Amino acid sequence: MGEEQGKVRADAEGELMRGLETLDVACAAGLLLKGEISPQIATGVDAFSMRMPLGVAAAITPFNFPFMAPLYLSSIAIACGNAFILKPSERVPTASLMLAELARDVGIPDGVLNVVQGDAEAVEAILDHPGIAAVSFIGSSPVAKLVHARGSASGKRVQAFGGAKNHMVVMPDADLGFAADAAISAAFGSSGQRCMAVSVVVAVGDVGDALVAAIGERATAVKVGPASDPEAEMGPLISRAARERVLGAIAAAEADGAKVAIDGRGREPGGGYFVAPTLVDHVRPDQEICRREVFGPVLSVVRVDTLDAAIALIDDSQYGNGAAIFTRDGGAARTFQRRASAGMIGINVPIPIPNAVYSFGGWKDSRFGDQHMAGTEGFRFFTKQKVVTSRWPEEEKSKADLAFPTR
């Protein structure tokens, strides 16, 4: 992961553990695939349901989680009885091959977990192939929308997870040190290349100046370096194009009146696709840096007067992956968890990815399709329901009856 994606070791180890959580949940397939039974719905008649595998399922996974995303999807799909085709990002091909080798080593039969390398042509083949019943995709929202449309047009079941613009609301009563540490971790971990990264801090009331100062002090202390540096806390971006996009977003925000409080340009190590942590203050809700996904180590600060205004800002976003609030007020937290329009909510938790027992997924343009990933919804996605109505008649009492059984 470090050599191909750029993650520092601690970050890569964290990704591995998150993937293994899902593998643990997949091992509970017997419990999560059990059906329902309604005995004696009519005289001598029972009805029950079963969850059946789809046949062949496929996943198209992103560069930012080379091991976790393939494991999130393959473990549940295979536990449900499906064969699985994995098409990893062409930028990070090796982790998926290692996963397939490990599966073979522990006895997964040949042909159950298959890895197909390739680019857009391979994706299109997966979406169009009549032998593939379901497709999972993780990537940008525009591509997710296209994948969902094309796969659905081919008669497949599709879940397509897109981008995000995750907000972290900080109330005046919050512990500022705790909130600043959380913002640093959530904004700059994995160089901001996470669909659940916090990219907008919403400072409520008069907390803005102190919060920006606390975040800025911590941001300048983050050690940026390659994955080979054991002291590095944050690695490079995935490509030259990604670096240029991030630098362009910073420059555009500055030109549009925002204040670059901590400038990562020029503080990165020499060579490579690095951008150091950057903090942009006094961002307006209508600015591009507040509305569009940057997917890099850039944290914007928007200042509002009330919690209602903060929730309205979240509701106005086209994305709805995650949202968090930092407060000591239980009433404010309860209002936020009920009203904020995101699929995953954190209360004093900046990246509210649930344990794999629960399902992962956003709202609005962060997800196309009706079911989330992993957890109970993951088991539903990779199976189809069969309902059986059963009667064992006694021969001497059998007779023709053209009506529905009623007793």
Protein backbone atom coordinates (compact mmCIF):
# COMPACT_ATOMS: atom_id res chain seq x y z
CA MET A 1 0.00 0.00 0.00
CA GLY A 2 2.83 2.38 0.79
CA GLU A 3 4.69 1.77 -2.45
CA GLU A 4 1.66 2.02 -4.74
CA GLN A 5 -0.76 4.31 -2.92
CA GLY A 6 1.58 6.34 -0.70
CA LYS A 7 0.04 5.65 2.70
CA VAL A 8 2.30 5.82 5.72
CA ARG A 9 2.56 2.60 7.70
CA ALA A 10 0.22 3.51 10.56
CA ASP A 11 -2.50 4.49 8.09
CA ALA A 12 -2.06 1.29 6.08
CA GLU A 13 -2.25 -0.81 9.25
CA GLY A 14 -5.50 0.96 10.19
CA GLU A 15 -6.95 0.18 6.77
CA LEU A 16 -6.06 -3.48 7.16
CA MET A 17 -7.83 -3.69 10.53
CA ARG A 18 -10.99 -2.08 9.12
CA GLY A 19 -11.03 -4.70 6.37
CA LEU A 20 -10.61 -7.50 8.88
CA GLU A 21 -13.62 -6.21 10.81
CA THR A 22 -15.74 -6.90 7.74
CA LEU A 23 -14.21 -10.35 7.40
CA ASP A 24 -15.30 -11.05 10.98
CA VAL A 25 -18.85 -10.01 10.10
CA ALA A 26 -18.77 -12.22 7.00
CA CYS A 27 -17.99 -15.16 9.26
CA ALA A 28 -21.40 -14.60 10.87
CA ALA A 29 -23.12 -15.42 7.58
CA GLY A 30 -25.10 -18.26 9.13
CA LEU A 31 -26.82 -15.81 11.48
CA LEU A 32 -27.28 -12.99 8.98
CA LEU A 33 -28.59 -15.17 6.15
CA LYS A 34 -31.24 -16.96 8.15
CA GLY A 35 -34.77 -16.62 6.83
CA GLU A 36 -38.16 -16.29 8.46
CA ILE A 37 -40.94 -18.80 9.03
CA SER A 38 -44.67 -18.41 9.55
CA PRO A 39 -46.10 -21.79 10.54
CA GLN A 40 -49.71 -22.81 9.98
CA ILE A 41 -50.78 -19.83 7.85
CA ALA A 42 -53.62 -22.11 6.77
CA THR A 43 -54.50 -25.66 7.76
CA GLY A 44 -51.37 -27.72 7.22
CA VAL A 45 -49.61 -24.87 5.37
CA ASP A 46 -46.33 -23.24 6.39
CA ALA A 47 -44.52 -20.32 4.72
CA PHE A 48 -40.84 -19.52 5.03
CA SER A 49 -38.17 -17.49 3.28
CA MET A 50 -34.56 -18.16 2.32
CA ARG A 51 -31.72 -15.93 1.18
CA MET A 52 -30.17 -17.28 -2.03
CA PRO A 53 -26.90 -16.29 -3.74
CA LEU A 54 -27.08 -14.21 -6.90
CA GLY A 55 -24.46 -16.24 -8.77
CA VAL A 56 -21.59 -14.00 -9.87
CA ALA A 57 -20.99 -10.57 -8.35
CA ALA A 58 -18.30 -8.03 -9.20
CA ALA A 59 -16.68 -5.00 -7.61
CA ILE A 60 -14.79 -2.04 -9.04
CA THR A 61 -12.70 -0.61 -6.22
CA PRO A 62 -10.77 2.66 -5.82
CA PHE A 63 -7.12 3.54 -5.34
CA ASN A 64 -7.49 5.09 -1.89
CA PHE A 65 -8.24 1.84 -0.04
CA PRO A 66 -6.31 -0.88 -1.89
CA PHE A 67 -7.05 -3.63 0.63
CA MET A 68 -10.02 -2.55 2.73
CA ALA A 69 -12.44 -1.85 -0.11
CA PRO A 70 -11.84 -5.21 -1.87
CA LEU A 71 -12.16 -7.02 1.45
CA TYR A 72 -15.31 -5.07 2.42
CA LEU A 73 -17.07 -6.33 -0.68
CA SER A 74 -15.55 -9.72 -1.47
CA SER A 75 -15.90 -11.18 2.03
CA ILE A 76 -19.64 -10.53 2.26
CA ALA A 77 -20.33 -11.59 -1.33
CA ILE A 78 -18.45 -14.88 -0.98
CA ALA A 79 -20.00 -15.60 2.43
CA CYS A 80 -23.38 -15.27 0.71
CA GLY A 81 -22.41 -18.04 -1.73
CA ASN A 82 -21.44 -16.00 -4.77
CA ALA A 83 -18.43 -16.19 -7.02
CA PHE A 84 -16.70 -12.82 -7.11
CA ILE A 85 -14.82 -10.76 -9.69
CA LEU A 86 -12.63 -7.97 -8.34
CA LYS A 87 -11.44 -5.16 -10.62
CA PRO A 88 -9.09 -2.99 -8.55
CA SER A 89 -7.90 0.45 -9.55
CA GLU A 90 -5.12 0.18 -12.10
CA ARG A 91 -3.11 2.50 -9.83
CA VAL A 92 -2.95 -0.03 -6.98
CA PRO A 93 -3.04 -3.54 -8.52
CA THR A 94 -0.92 -5.51 -6.08
CA ALA A 95 -2.96 -5.57 -2.85
CA SER A 96 -5.87 -7.28 -4.61
CA LEU A 97 -3.55 -9.94 -6.00
CA MET A 98 -2.20 -10.55 -2.50
CA LEU A 99 -5.77 -10.86 -1.21
CA ALA A 100 -6.54 -13.49 -3.86
CA GLU A 101 -3.35 -15.38 -3.03
CA LEU A 102 -4.22 -15.38 0.68
CA ALA A 103 -7.75 -16.62 -0.14
CA ARG A 104 -6.28 -19.47 -2.17
CA ASP A 105 -3.83 -20.31 0.63
CA VAL A 106 -6.63 -20.74 3.17
CA GLY A 107 -8.66 -22.99 0.88
CA ILE A 108 -11.05 -20.78 -1.07
CA PRO A 109 -11.67 -22.86 -4.24
CA ASP A 110 -10.29 -21.68 -7.55
CA GLY A 111 -12.77 -19.53 -9.43
CA VAL A 112 -14.50 -18.15 -6.34
CA LEU A 113 -12.38 -15.01 -5.94
CA ASN A 114 -11.09 -13.69 -9.25
CA VAL A 115 -8.98 -10.58 -9.90
CA VAL A 116 -9.21 -8.83 -13.26
CA GLN A 117 -6.82 -5.95 -13.95
CA GLY A 118 -7.65 -3.17 -16.39
CA ASP A 119 -9.03 0.30 -16.94
CA ALA A 120 -12.31 1.66 -18.34
CA GLU A 121 -12.58 -1.12 -20.91
CA ALA A 122 -12.59 -3.75 -18.17
CA VAL A 123 -15.22 -1.77 -16.24
CA GLU A 124 -17.47 -1.59 -19.29
CA ALA A 125 -17.10 -5.34 -19.88
CA ILE A 126 -18.17 -6.04 -16.29
CA LEU A 127 -21.16 -3.72 -16.54
CA ASP A 128 -22.35 -5.27 -19.80
CA HIS A 129 -21.64 -8.96 -19.19
CA PRO A 130 -24.87 -10.97 -18.92
CA GLY A 131 -23.32 -13.51 -16.55
CA ILE A 132 -22.67 -10.96 -13.79
CA ALA A 133 -25.69 -10.40 -11.56
CA ALA A 134 -24.50 -7.57 -9.31
CA VAL A 135 -21.88 -4.83 -9.36
CA SER A 136 -20.47 -2.72 -6.53
CA PHE A 137 -18.54 0.44 -7.37
CA ILE A 138 -16.59 2.95 -5.28
CA GLY A 139 -15.27 6.13 -6.90
CA SER A 140 -16.27 9.66 -7.89
CA SER A 141 -19.94 10.66 -8.06
CA PRO A 142 -20.05 11.38 -11.81
CA VAL A 143 -18.60 7.95 -12.58
CA ALA A 144 -20.78 6.28 -9.94
CA LYS A 145 -23.87 7.71 -11.61
CA LEU A 146 -22.78 6.37 -15.00
CA VAL A 147 -21.93 2.95 -13.55
CA HIS A 148 -25.32 2.74 -11.87
CA ALA A 149 -27.15 3.67 -15.06
CA ARG A 150 -25.21 1.33 -17.34
CA GLY A 151 -25.26 -1.62 -14.96
CA SER A 152 -28.96 -1.19 -14.24
CA ALA A 153 -29.69 -0.98 -17.96
CA SER A 154 -28.03 -4.39 -18.28
CA GLY A 155 -30.42 -5.80 -15.69
CA LYS A 156 -27.90 -5.92 -12.85
CA ARG A 157 -28.27 -5.06 -9.22
CA VAL A 158 -25.93 -2.06 -8.68
CA GLN A 159 -24.65 -0.15 -5.69
CA ALA A 160 -22.39 2.75 -6.68
CA PHE A 161 -20.71 4.84 -4.00
CA GLY A 162 -19.55 8.31 -5.02
CA GLY A 163 -17.81 11.35 -3.60
CA ALA A 164 -18.44 13.46 -0.56
CA LYS A 165 -18.13 16.82 1.10
CA ASN A 166 -18.18 15.92 4.78
CA HIS A 167 -18.86 18.60 7.38
CA MET A 168 -17.71 18.80 10.99
CA VAL A 169 -19.76 21.25 13.06
CA VAL A 170 -18.03 22.71 16.13
CA MET A 171 -20.30 24.30 18.71
CA PRO A 172 -19.15 27.06 21.11
CA ASP A 173 -19.28 24.67 24.06
CA ALA A 174 -17.03 22.05 22.45
CA ASP A 175 -13.63 21.08 23.85
CA LEU A 176 -11.50 23.01 21.33
CA GLY A 177 -8.36 20.94 21.78
CA PHE A 178 -10.28 17.73 21.27
CA ALA A 179 -12.11 19.16 18.26
CA ALA A 180 -8.88 20.48 16.70
CA ASP A 181 -7.16 17.10 17.08
CA ALA A 182 -10.18 15.43 15.49
CA ALA A 183 -10.20 17.87 12.59
CA ILE A 184 -6.50 17.26 11.89
CA SER A 185 -6.94 13.49 11.93
CA ALA A 186 -10.06 13.51 9.78
CA ALA A 187 -8.92 16.10 7.25
CA PHE A 188 -5.31 15.08 6.68
CA GLY A 189 -5.24 11.33 7.29
CA SER A 190 -4.52 9.49 4.02
CA SER A 191 -3.64 12.95 2.62
CA GLY A 192 -7.35 13.75 2.57
CA GLN A 193 -7.94 11.02 -0.02
CA ARG A 194 -10.89 9.43 1.76
CA CYS A 195 -14.56 9.58 0.89
CA MET A 196 -15.13 10.12 4.61
CA ALA A 197 -12.47 12.81 5.11
CA VAL A 198 -13.68 15.97 6.82
CA SER A 199 -13.17 18.75 4.31
CA VAL A 200 -15.31 21.52 5.86
CA VAL A 201 -15.27 22.63 9.49
CA VAL A 202 -18.35 24.68 10.37
CA ALA A 203 -17.55 27.00 13.27
CA VAL A 204 -20.71 28.07 15.10
CA GLY A 205 -20.95 31.35 16.96
CA ASP A 206 -17.77 32.92 18.27
CA VAL A 207 -15.66 29.74 18.25
CA GLY A 208 -14.04 30.43 14.87
CA ASP A 209 -10.86 32.33 15.78
CA ALA A 210 -9.82 30.04 18.61
CA LEU A 211 -10.63 26.94 16.58
CA VAL A 212 -8.64 28.10 13.55
CA ALA A 213 -5.68 28.90 15.78
CA ALA A 214 -5.81 25.45 17.40
CA ILE A 215 -6.11 23.63 14.08
CA GLY A 216 -3.38 25.75 12.51
CA GLU A 217 -0.92 25.01 15.30
CA ARG A 218 -1.45 21.30 14.82
CA ALA A 219 -1.45 21.40 11.02
CA THR A 220 2.01 22.89 10.80
CA ALA A 221 3.34 20.11 13.04
CA VAL A 222 2.19 17.25 10.78
CA LYS A 223 5.23 15.50 9.32
CA VAL A 224 4.83 14.91 5.60
CA GLY A 225 6.95 12.31 3.84
CA PRO A 226 7.06 9.10 1.83
CA ALA A 227 5.74 5.77 3.09
CA SER A 228 9.35 4.62 3.51
CA ASP A 229 9.87 7.24 6.26
CA PRO A 230 8.83 5.65 9.57
CA GLU A 231 8.27 9.10 11.10
CA ALA A 232 5.96 10.34 8.33
CA GLU A 233 2.35 10.98 9.37
CA MET A 234 1.01 11.90 5.93
CA GLY A 235 2.11 10.72 2.51
CA PRO A 236 1.79 12.00 -1.05
CA LEU A 237 -1.20 12.32 -3.32
CA ILE A 238 -1.82 9.56 -5.82
CA SER A 239 -0.64 11.37 -8.97
CA ARG A 240 0.69 14.55 -10.54
CA ALA A 241 -2.81 15.35 -11.80
CA ALA A 242 -4.21 15.02 -8.27
CA ARG A 243 -1.57 17.39 -6.92
CA GLU A 244 -2.27 19.95 -9.62
CA ARG A 245 -6.01 19.73 -8.95
CA VAL A 246 -5.53 20.32 -5.22
CA LEU A 247 -3.15 23.24 -5.75
CA GLY A 248 -5.63 24.71 -8.23
CA ALA A 249 -8.46 24.49 -5.69
CA ILE A 250 -6.37 26.36 -3.09
CA ALA A 251 -5.41 29.08 -5.56
CA ALA A 252 -9.01 29.50 -6.75
CA ALA A 253 -10.32 29.86 -3.18
CA GLU A 254 -7.68 32.45 -2.38
CA ALA A 255 -8.49 34.41 -5.54
CA ASP A 256 -12.18 34.31 -4.58
CA GLY A 257 -11.61 35.98 -1.23
CA ALA A 258 -10.91 33.13 1.19
CA LYS A 259 -7.92 33.39 3.53
CA VAL A 260 -5.24 30.69 3.37
CA ALA A 261 -4.45 30.51 7.08
CA ILE A 262 -1.99 27.61 6.81
CA ASP A 263 -0.43 27.22 3.37
CA GLY A 264 0.78 23.76 2.42
CA ARG A 265 2.28 24.99 -0.84
CA GLY A 266 6.03 25.10 -0.51
CA ARG A 267 6.15 23.16 2.78
CA GLU A 268 6.09 19.73 1.14
CA PRO A 269 9.19 17.55 0.75
CA GLY A 270 11.12 17.92 -2.47
CA GLY A 271 10.01 15.65 -5.29
CA GLY A 272 6.90 13.50 -5.37
CA TYR A 273 3.24 14.47 -5.40
CA PHE A 274 3.10 16.08 -1.97
CA VAL A 275 0.90 18.89 -0.66
CA ALA A 276 1.30 19.72 3.02
CA PRO A 277 -1.76 20.29 5.24
CA THR A 278 -3.59 23.44 4.19
CA LEU A 279 -6.20 25.39 6.16
CA VAL A 280 -8.46 27.84 4.31
CA ASP A 281 -10.46 30.22 6.54
CA HIS A 282 -13.43 32.53 5.91
CA VAL A 283 -14.79 30.31 3.15
CA ARG A 284 -18.24 31.23 1.89
CA PRO A 285 -20.84 28.50 1.36
CA ASP A 286 -21.15 29.42 -2.32
CA GLN A 287 -17.45 28.99 -3.09
CA GLU A 288 -16.26 26.03 -5.13
CA ILE A 289 -13.89 24.84 -2.41
CA CYS A 290 -16.89 24.50 -0.08
CA ARG A 291 -19.16 22.79 -2.59
CA ARG A 292 -16.90 20.53 -4.67
CA GLU A 293 -14.83 17.57 -3.55
CA VAL A 294 -11.11 18.46 -3.39
CA PHE A 295 -9.89 15.00 -2.32
CA GLY A 296 -6.68 16.25 -0.81
CA PRO A 297 -5.22 17.68 2.42
CA VAL A 298 -7.23 20.90 2.36
CA LEU A 299 -9.57 21.88 5.20
CA SER A 300 -12.01 24.75 4.73
CA VAL A 301 -13.53 26.72 7.60
CA VAL A 302 -17.01 28.22 7.22
CA ARG A 303 -18.34 30.45 9.99
CA VAL A 304 -22.06 30.54 10.83
CA ASP A 305 -24.11 31.99 13.67
CA THR A 306 -26.34 29.07 14.68
CA LEU A 307 -26.72 25.31 14.63
CA ASP A 308 -29.70 25.75 12.29
CA ALA A 309 -27.44 27.54 9.81
CA ALA A 310 -24.86 24.75 10.08
CA ILE A 311 -27.49 22.09 9.38
CA ALA A 312 -28.80 24.13 6.44
CA LEU A 313 -25.28 24.21 4.99
CA ILE A 314 -25.07 20.41 5.19
CA ASP A 315 -28.54 20.01 3.71
CA ASP A 316 -27.59 22.25 0.78
CA SER A 317 -24.66 20.02 -0.19
CA GLN A 318 -25.14 17.69 -3.14
CA TYR A 319 -23.31 15.03 -1.14
CA GLY A 320 -24.40 13.19 1.98
CA ASN A 321 -21.78 10.71 3.13
CA GLY A 322 -20.95 11.80 6.66
CA ALA A 323 -21.47 14.71 9.05
CA ALA A 324 -20.24 15.25 12.60
CA ILE A 325 -20.92 17.58 15.50
CA PHE A 326 -18.62 18.44 18.40
CA THR A 327 -20.48 19.62 21.47
CA ARG A 328 -21.14 18.97 25.14
CA ASP A 329 -24.86 19.69 24.68
CA GLY A 330 -26.99 16.56 24.39
CA GLY A 331 -29.92 18.52 22.98
CA ALA A 332 -27.80 19.98 20.19
CA ALA A 333 -26.39 16.54 19.40
CA ARG A 334 -29.86 15.00 19.25
CA THR A 335 -31.13 17.76 16.97
CA PHE A 336 -28.14 17.25 14.70
CA GLN A 337 -28.40 13.47 14.49
CA ARG A 338 -32.06 13.71 13.49
CA ARG A 339 -31.87 16.61 11.05
CA ALA A 340 -28.48 16.52 9.31
CA SER A 341 -28.90 14.98 5.84
CA ALA A 342 -26.10 12.42 5.73
CA GLY A 343 -26.04 8.65 5.84
CA MET A 344 -23.51 8.47 8.70
CA ILE A 345 -23.53 10.83 11.68
CA GLY A 346 -20.78 11.36 14.24
CA ILE A 347 -21.26 12.89 17.68
CA ASN A 348 -17.79 13.93 18.86
CA VAL A 349 -16.54 11.41 16.28
CA PRO A 350 -15.10 13.09 13.16
CA ILE A 351 -15.18 10.13 10.74
CA PRO A 352 -18.35 8.22 11.62
CA ILE A 353 -17.64 5.03 9.71
CA PRO A 354 -19.55 2.46 11.73
CA ASN A 355 -18.24 -0.88 12.79
CA ALA A 356 -18.78 -3.38 9.98
CA VAL A 357 -21.73 -4.89 11.84
CA TYR A 358 -23.56 -1.77 10.64
CA SER A 359 -23.84 -0.82 6.99
CA PHE A 360 -21.75 1.87 5.33
CA GLY A 361 -23.24 4.35 2.89
CA GLY A 362 -24.25 7.92 2.20
CA TRP A 363 -27.21 9.83 0.84
CA LYS A 364 -27.80 12.07 -2.17
CA ASP A 365 -24.98 12.00 -4.75
CA SER A 366 -22.75 9.99 -2.42
CA ARG A 367 -24.61 6.78 -3.29
CA PHE A 368 -26.57 5.49 -6.24
CA GLY A 369 -28.60 2.39 -5.52
CA ASP A 370 -30.90 1.45 -2.68
CA GLN A 371 -28.65 -0.54 -0.35
CA HIS A 372 -25.54 0.24 1.64
CA MET A 373 -22.28 -1.69 1.96
CA ALA A 374 -21.36 -4.37 4.53
CA GLY A 375 -23.47 -5.12 7.59
CA THR A 376 -26.98 -6.46 7.18
CA GLU A 377 -27.63 -4.45 4.00
CA GLY A 378 -24.53 -5.96 2.43
CA PHE A 379 -25.97 -9.43 2.96
CA ARG A 380 -29.25 -8.31 1.40
CA PHE A 381 -27.45 -6.83 -1.62
CA PHE A 382 -25.55 -10.01 -2.40
CA THR A 383 -28.55 -12.31 -2.03
CA LYS A 384 -32.10 -12.61 -3.33
CA GLN A 385 -35.07 -13.77 -1.31
CA LYS A 386 -36.97 -16.94 -2.04
CA VAL A 387 -40.32 -17.57 -0.33
CA VAL A 388 -41.60 -21.14 0.00
CA THR A 389 -45.18 -22.09 0.83
CA SER A 390 -45.34 -25.71 1.95
CA ARG A 391 -48.07 -28.29 2.58
CA TRP A 392 -47.81 -32.03 3.20
CA PRO A 393 -51.37 -33.26 2.71
CA GLU A 394 -52.75 -36.48 4.02
CA GLU A 395 -53.69 -38.50 0.94
CA GLU A 396 -57.20 -39.42 2.01
CA LYS A 397 -58.06 -35.74 2.66
CA SER A 398 -56.67 -34.36 -0.60
CA LYS A 399 -59.06 -32.74 -3.08
CA ALA A 400 -58.99 -30.09 -5.80
CA ASP A 401 -59.58 -26.51 -4.62
CA LEU A 402 -59.48 -23.63 -7.12
CA ALA A 403 -59.54 -20.89 -4.49
CA PHE A 404 -56.74 -19.51 -2.34
CA PRO A 405 -56.41 -21.53 0.88
CA THR A 406 -58.02 -19.64 3.71
CA ARG A 407 -58.13 -22.14 6.53
